[in-house]
Amino acid sequence: MGYTTARSKKIYSELKEAGPALWKRDEEVVVNTTYNDVISAIYVTDLREDHNGEAYIESGGVGLRSVVITLKSPSILRGYKFQVDVYATPMGEGLFHTGGGYYGDTQYPRKF
């Protein structure tokens, strides 16, 4: 979700993993920016072979100063393995164009 620019910096990068359990595994990841930055891109990659884990934004996101990402295993007796990367850009740089709206599709995952 979102995009990076030449001025973007990675503010969070972590591999999140949970093993199989008798219940559906889930975890919240909270990322906050520094004083003058806003989130410009959020990349969550499912690294399991079947790629059927769930990841979604609970609150915050691109253009804001924080984001809460929820990661979930697909079912009981299954774990998850996600790579989570969040980038930030100085406020007012590259997120908006002269039309005043968001540049690009920042509310939904990109589909290629």
N, C-alpha and C. Protein backbone atom coordinates (compact mmCIF):
# COMPACT_ATOMS: atom_id res chain seq x y z
N MET A 1 0.86 -1.16 0.00
CA MET A 1 0.00 0.00 0.00
C MET A 1 0.91 1.22 0.00
N GLY A 2 0.60 2.18 -0.84
CA GLY A 2 1.41 3.39 -0.94
C GLY A 2 2.61 3.18 -1.84
N TYR A 3 3.55 4.09 -1.78
CA TYR A 3 4.75 4.00 -2.60
C TYR A 3 5.90 4.71 -1.90
N THR A 4 7.11 4.38 -2.33
CA THR A 4 8.30 5.03 -1.78
C THR A 4 8.81 6.05 -2.79
N THR A 5 9.53 7.04 -2.27
CA THR A 5 10.18 8.05 -3.10
C THR A 5 11.66 8.06 -2.76
N ALA A 6 12.41 8.92 -3.42
CA ALA A 6 13.83 9.03 -3.13
C ALA A 6 14.08 9.52 -1.70
N ARG A 7 13.12 10.23 -1.13
CA ARG A 7 13.27 10.75 0.24
C ARG A 7 12.68 9.82 1.30
N SER A 8 12.08 8.72 0.89
CA SER A 8 11.50 7.79 1.86
C SER A 8 12.61 7.08 2.63
N LYS A 9 12.32 6.78 3.88
CA LYS A 9 13.26 6.01 4.69
C LYS A 9 12.49 4.89 5.38
N LYS A 10 13.15 3.75 5.49
CA LYS A 10 12.53 2.61 6.14
C LYS A 10 12.56 2.84 7.64
N ILE A 11 11.38 2.86 8.26
CA ILE A 11 11.31 3.11 9.69
C ILE A 11 10.99 1.85 10.48
N TYR A 12 10.59 0.79 9.77
CA TYR A 12 10.28 -0.46 10.45
C TYR A 12 10.48 -1.61 9.46
N SER A 13 11.18 -2.64 9.91
CA SER A 13 11.38 -3.83 9.10
C SER A 13 11.57 -5.00 10.05
N GLU A 14 10.64 -5.94 9.99
CA GLU A 14 10.73 -7.08 10.89
C GLU A 14 10.04 -8.30 10.29
N LEU A 15 10.62 -9.46 10.57
CA LEU A 15 10.02 -10.73 10.20
C LEU A 15 9.15 -11.17 11.38
N LYS A 16 7.86 -11.35 11.13
CA LYS A 16 6.91 -11.76 12.17
C LYS A 16 6.51 -13.20 11.89
N GLU A 17 6.72 -14.06 12.89
CA GLU A 17 6.47 -15.48 12.71
C GLU A 17 5.73 -16.04 13.92
N ALA A 18 4.81 -16.96 13.66
CA ALA A 18 4.11 -17.67 14.74
C ALA A 18 3.96 -19.12 14.32
N GLY A 19 4.22 -20.02 15.23
CA GLY A 19 4.10 -21.44 14.93
C GLY A 19 2.67 -21.93 15.01
N PRO A 20 2.42 -23.15 14.58
CA PRO A 20 1.08 -23.73 14.63
C PRO A 20 0.57 -23.82 16.07
N ALA A 21 -0.75 -23.72 16.21
CA ALA A 21 -1.37 -23.81 17.54
C ALA A 21 -2.79 -24.35 17.40
N LEU A 22 -3.40 -24.66 18.51
CA LEU A 22 -4.77 -25.18 18.50
C LEU A 22 -5.80 -24.06 18.34
N TRP A 23 -5.35 -22.85 18.13
CA TRP A 23 -6.22 -21.72 17.91
C TRP A 23 -5.65 -20.89 16.76
N LYS A 24 -6.45 -20.02 16.22
CA LYS A 24 -6.00 -19.14 15.14
C LYS A 24 -5.07 -18.08 15.72
N ARG A 25 -3.85 -18.00 15.22
CA ARG A 25 -2.85 -17.06 15.75
C ARG A 25 -3.07 -15.68 15.16
N ASP A 26 -2.87 -14.64 15.97
CA ASP A 26 -2.94 -13.27 15.47
C ASP A 26 -2.03 -12.38 16.29
N GLU A 27 -1.65 -11.25 15.69
CA GLU A 27 -0.73 -10.31 16.33
C GLU A 27 -0.96 -8.93 15.74
N GLU A 28 -0.86 -7.91 16.57
CA GLU A 28 -0.93 -6.53 16.09
C GLU A 28 0.47 -5.93 16.06
N VAL A 29 0.78 -5.23 14.99
CA VAL A 29 2.04 -4.53 14.84
C VAL A 29 1.72 -3.04 14.82
N VAL A 30 2.30 -2.28 15.73
CA VAL A 30 2.07 -0.84 15.82
C VAL A 30 3.35 -0.12 15.41
N VAL A 31 3.24 0.80 14.45
CA VAL A 31 4.39 1.56 13.98
C VAL A 31 4.03 3.04 14.04
N ASN A 32 4.88 3.84 14.66
CA ASN A 32 4.71 5.29 14.75
C ASN A 32 5.89 5.97 14.08
N THR A 33 5.63 7.12 13.45
CA THR A 33 6.70 7.88 12.82
C THR A 33 7.27 8.89 13.82
N THR A 34 8.31 9.59 13.37
CA THR A 34 8.86 10.67 14.17
C THR A 34 8.02 11.93 13.97
N TYR A 35 8.38 12.98 14.61
CA TYR A 35 7.60 14.22 14.65
C TYR A 35 7.18 14.75 13.29
N ASN A 36 8.08 14.86 12.33
CA ASN A 36 7.79 15.51 11.05
C ASN A 36 7.52 14.56 9.89
N ASP A 37 7.41 13.26 10.13
CA ASP A 37 7.23 12.29 9.06
C ASP A 37 5.81 11.74 9.01
N VAL A 38 5.42 11.28 7.83
CA VAL A 38 4.17 10.56 7.65
C VAL A 38 4.49 9.26 6.91
N ILE A 39 3.66 8.27 7.08
CA ILE A 39 3.87 6.98 6.43
C ILE A 39 3.59 7.12 4.95
N SER A 40 4.53 6.63 4.13
CA SER A 40 4.36 6.71 2.68
C SER A 40 4.11 5.35 2.04
N ALA A 41 4.55 4.27 2.68
CA ALA A 41 4.34 2.94 2.11
C ALA A 41 4.34 1.89 3.20
N ILE A 42 3.50 0.87 3.01
CA ILE A 42 3.41 -0.26 3.93
C ILE A 42 3.44 -1.52 3.08
N TYR A 43 4.44 -2.35 3.29
CA TYR A 43 4.56 -3.60 2.53
C TYR A 43 4.51 -4.77 3.51
N VAL A 44 3.54 -5.65 3.33
CA VAL A 44 3.43 -6.86 4.13
C VAL A 44 3.46 -8.03 3.16
N THR A 45 4.48 -8.89 3.29
CA THR A 45 4.66 -10.01 2.38
C THR A 45 4.48 -11.32 3.14
N ASP A 46 3.58 -12.17 2.64
CA ASP A 46 3.36 -13.49 3.22
C ASP A 46 4.44 -14.42 2.69
N LEU A 47 5.29 -14.94 3.56
CA LEU A 47 6.43 -15.75 3.15
C LEU A 47 6.17 -17.26 3.23
N ARG A 48 5.00 -17.67 3.65
CA ARG A 48 4.69 -19.11 3.67
C ARG A 48 4.42 -19.58 2.24
N GLU A 49 4.63 -20.87 2.01
CA GLU A 49 4.46 -21.43 0.67
C GLU A 49 3.06 -21.24 0.11
N ASP A 50 2.03 -21.42 0.95
CA ASP A 50 0.66 -21.34 0.44
C ASP A 50 0.12 -19.91 0.37
N HIS A 51 0.80 -18.94 0.96
CA HIS A 51 0.43 -17.51 0.90
C HIS A 51 -1.03 -17.25 1.26
N ASN A 52 -1.56 -17.91 2.27
CA ASN A 52 -2.97 -17.68 2.60
C ASN A 52 -3.17 -17.11 4.00
N GLY A 53 -2.13 -16.47 4.54
CA GLY A 53 -2.29 -15.75 5.80
C GLY A 53 -3.06 -14.46 5.57
N GLU A 54 -3.51 -13.85 6.65
CA GLU A 54 -4.29 -12.62 6.54
C GLU A 54 -3.50 -11.46 7.16
N ALA A 55 -3.52 -10.33 6.48
CA ALA A 55 -2.89 -9.11 7.00
C ALA A 55 -3.76 -7.94 6.57
N TYR A 56 -4.08 -7.08 7.53
CA TYR A 56 -4.87 -5.90 7.18
C TYR A 56 -4.56 -4.76 8.13
N ILE A 57 -4.91 -3.55 7.69
CA ILE A 57 -4.66 -2.36 8.50
C ILE A 57 -5.87 -2.12 9.38
N GLU A 58 -5.62 -2.12 10.67
CA GLU A 58 -6.67 -1.90 11.66
C GLU A 58 -6.99 -0.41 11.80
N SER A 59 -5.94 0.42 11.83
CA SER A 59 -6.13 1.87 11.91
C SER A 59 -4.87 2.57 11.40
N GLY A 60 -5.01 3.85 11.08
CA GLY A 60 -3.89 4.62 10.55
C GLY A 60 -3.60 4.23 9.12
N GLY A 61 -2.38 4.52 8.66
CA GLY A 61 -1.98 4.12 7.32
C GLY A 61 -1.24 5.19 6.57
N VAL A 62 -1.25 5.08 5.26
CA VAL A 62 -0.51 5.99 4.38
C VAL A 62 -1.04 7.41 4.55
N GLY A 63 -0.11 8.36 4.69
CA GLY A 63 -0.46 9.77 4.87
C GLY A 63 -0.66 10.16 6.32
N LEU A 64 -0.59 9.18 7.23
CA LEU A 64 -0.77 9.45 8.66
C LEU A 64 0.52 9.16 9.41
N ARG A 65 0.52 9.43 10.70
CA ARG A 65 1.75 9.29 11.49
C ARG A 65 1.87 7.96 12.20
N SER A 66 0.86 7.08 12.09
CA SER A 66 0.95 5.76 12.71
C SER A 66 0.11 4.76 11.93
N VAL A 67 0.37 3.49 12.18
CA VAL A 67 -0.41 2.42 11.57
C VAL A 67 -0.44 1.24 12.52
N VAL A 68 -1.59 0.56 12.57
CA VAL A 68 -1.74 -0.68 13.32
C VAL A 68 -2.09 -1.75 12.29
N ILE A 69 -1.21 -2.76 12.16
CA ILE A 69 -1.38 -3.84 11.20
C ILE A 69 -1.69 -5.11 11.98
N THR A 70 -2.74 -5.82 11.58
CA THR A 70 -3.10 -7.09 12.21
C THR A 70 -2.68 -8.23 11.30
N LEU A 71 -1.95 -9.20 11.87
CA LEU A 71 -1.52 -10.39 11.14
C LEU A 71 -2.25 -11.59 11.71
N LYS A 72 -2.75 -12.47 10.84
CA LYS A 72 -3.49 -13.64 11.31
C LYS A 72 -3.08 -14.88 10.54
N SER A 73 -3.10 -16.02 11.24
CA SER A 73 -2.89 -17.30 10.57
C SER A 73 -4.17 -17.68 9.84
N PRO A 74 -4.08 -18.51 8.81
CA PRO A 74 -5.26 -18.84 8.02
C PRO A 74 -6.27 -19.72 8.76
N SER A 75 -5.83 -20.56 9.66
CA SER A 75 -6.73 -21.46 10.38
C SER A 75 -6.01 -22.05 11.58
N ILE A 76 -6.72 -22.87 12.35
CA ILE A 76 -6.07 -23.54 13.48
C ILE A 76 -5.01 -24.50 12.94
N LEU A 77 -4.07 -24.82 13.79
CA LEU A 77 -2.94 -25.70 13.46
C LEU A 77 -2.08 -25.15 12.33
N ARG A 78 -2.16 -23.86 12.09
CA ARG A 78 -1.34 -23.20 11.08
C ARG A 78 -0.72 -21.96 11.70
N GLY A 79 0.49 -21.68 11.36
CA GLY A 79 1.13 -20.46 11.82
C GLY A 79 1.15 -19.43 10.70
N TYR A 80 2.00 -18.44 10.86
CA TYR A 80 2.18 -17.45 9.80
C TYR A 80 3.62 -16.99 9.78
N LYS A 81 4.01 -16.39 8.66
CA LYS A 81 5.34 -15.83 8.50
C LYS A 81 5.22 -14.65 7.54
N PHE A 82 5.32 -13.43 8.08
CA PHE A 82 5.18 -12.21 7.30
C PHE A 82 6.44 -11.35 7.43
N GLN A 83 6.82 -10.71 6.36
CA GLN A 83 7.83 -9.65 6.39
C GLN A 83 7.07 -8.34 6.35
N VAL A 84 7.27 -7.49 7.36
CA VAL A 84 6.57 -6.21 7.45
C VAL A 84 7.58 -5.08 7.30
N ASP A 85 7.37 -4.21 6.31
CA ASP A 85 8.23 -3.05 6.07
C ASP A 85 7.36 -1.81 5.99
N VAL A 86 7.76 -0.76 6.71
CA VAL A 86 7.02 0.51 6.70
C VAL A 86 8.01 1.62 6.38
N TYR A 87 7.62 2.50 5.45
CA TYR A 87 8.46 3.62 5.03
C TYR A 87 7.77 4.93 5.38
N ALA A 88 8.58 5.95 5.66
CA ALA A 88 8.06 7.28 5.97
C ALA A 88 8.76 8.33 5.10
N THR A 89 8.06 9.42 4.90
CA THR A 89 8.55 10.55 4.11
C THR A 89 8.29 11.82 4.93
N PRO A 90 9.17 12.83 4.82
CA PRO A 90 8.89 14.09 5.52
C PRO A 90 7.51 14.62 5.13
N MET A 91 6.80 15.16 6.08
CA MET A 91 5.44 15.64 5.86
C MET A 91 5.39 16.62 4.70
N GLY A 92 4.43 16.41 3.79
CA GLY A 92 4.25 17.30 2.65
C GLY A 92 5.11 16.99 1.45
N GLU A 93 5.93 15.95 1.50
CA GLU A 93 6.80 15.63 0.38
C GLU A 93 6.35 14.38 -0.34
N GLY A 94 5.82 14.53 -1.54
CA GLY A 94 5.55 13.40 -2.39
C GLY A 94 4.23 12.68 -2.18
N LEU A 95 3.51 12.95 -1.10
CA LEU A 95 2.25 12.25 -0.90
C LEU A 95 1.09 12.93 -1.60
N PHE A 96 1.22 14.21 -1.85
CA PHE A 96 0.12 14.94 -2.46
C PHE A 96 0.57 15.56 -3.78
N HIS A 97 -0.36 15.71 -4.70
CA HIS A 97 -0.07 16.43 -5.93
C HIS A 97 -0.89 17.72 -5.92
N THR A 98 -0.77 18.52 -6.96
CA THR A 98 -1.41 19.84 -6.96
C THR A 98 -2.93 19.78 -6.89
N GLY A 99 -3.53 18.63 -7.18
CA GLY A 99 -4.97 18.48 -7.09
C GLY A 99 -5.46 18.37 -5.66
N GLY A 100 -4.58 18.18 -4.71
CA GLY A 100 -4.93 18.15 -3.31
C GLY A 100 -5.30 16.79 -2.77
N GLY A 101 -5.41 15.76 -3.61
CA GLY A 101 -5.75 14.42 -3.13
C GLY A 101 -4.53 13.54 -3.05
N TYR A 102 -4.73 12.32 -2.63
CA TYR A 102 -3.64 11.36 -2.60
C TYR A 102 -3.21 11.03 -4.01
N TYR A 103 -1.92 10.85 -4.19
CA TYR A 103 -1.40 10.45 -5.49
C TYR A 103 -1.34 8.94 -5.52
N GLY A 104 -2.06 8.34 -6.42
CA GLY A 104 -2.04 6.89 -6.52
C GLY A 104 -3.09 6.25 -5.63
N ASP A 105 -3.14 4.95 -5.69
CA ASP A 105 -4.12 4.18 -4.94
C ASP A 105 -3.52 3.84 -3.59
N THR A 106 -3.89 4.57 -2.55
CA THR A 106 -3.27 4.36 -1.25
C THR A 106 -4.18 3.67 -0.26
N GLN A 107 -5.42 3.38 -0.64
CA GLN A 107 -6.35 2.76 0.30
C GLN A 107 -6.48 1.26 0.12
N TYR A 108 -6.07 0.72 -1.02
CA TYR A 108 -6.23 -0.70 -1.28
C TYR A 108 -4.92 -1.26 -1.80
N PRO A 109 -4.64 -2.54 -1.56
CA PRO A 109 -3.41 -3.15 -2.06
C PRO A 109 -3.33 -3.07 -3.59
N ARG A 110 -2.15 -2.93 -4.08
CA ARG A 110 -1.96 -2.90 -5.54
C ARG A 110 -2.13 -4.31 -6.09
N LYS A 111 -2.70 -4.40 -7.28
CA LYS A 111 -2.88 -5.68 -7.95
C LYS A 111 -2.19 -5.60 -9.30
N PHE A 112 -1.25 -6.50 -9.53
CA PHE A 112 -0.51 -6.53 -10.80
C PHE A 112 -0.85 -7.76 -11.57
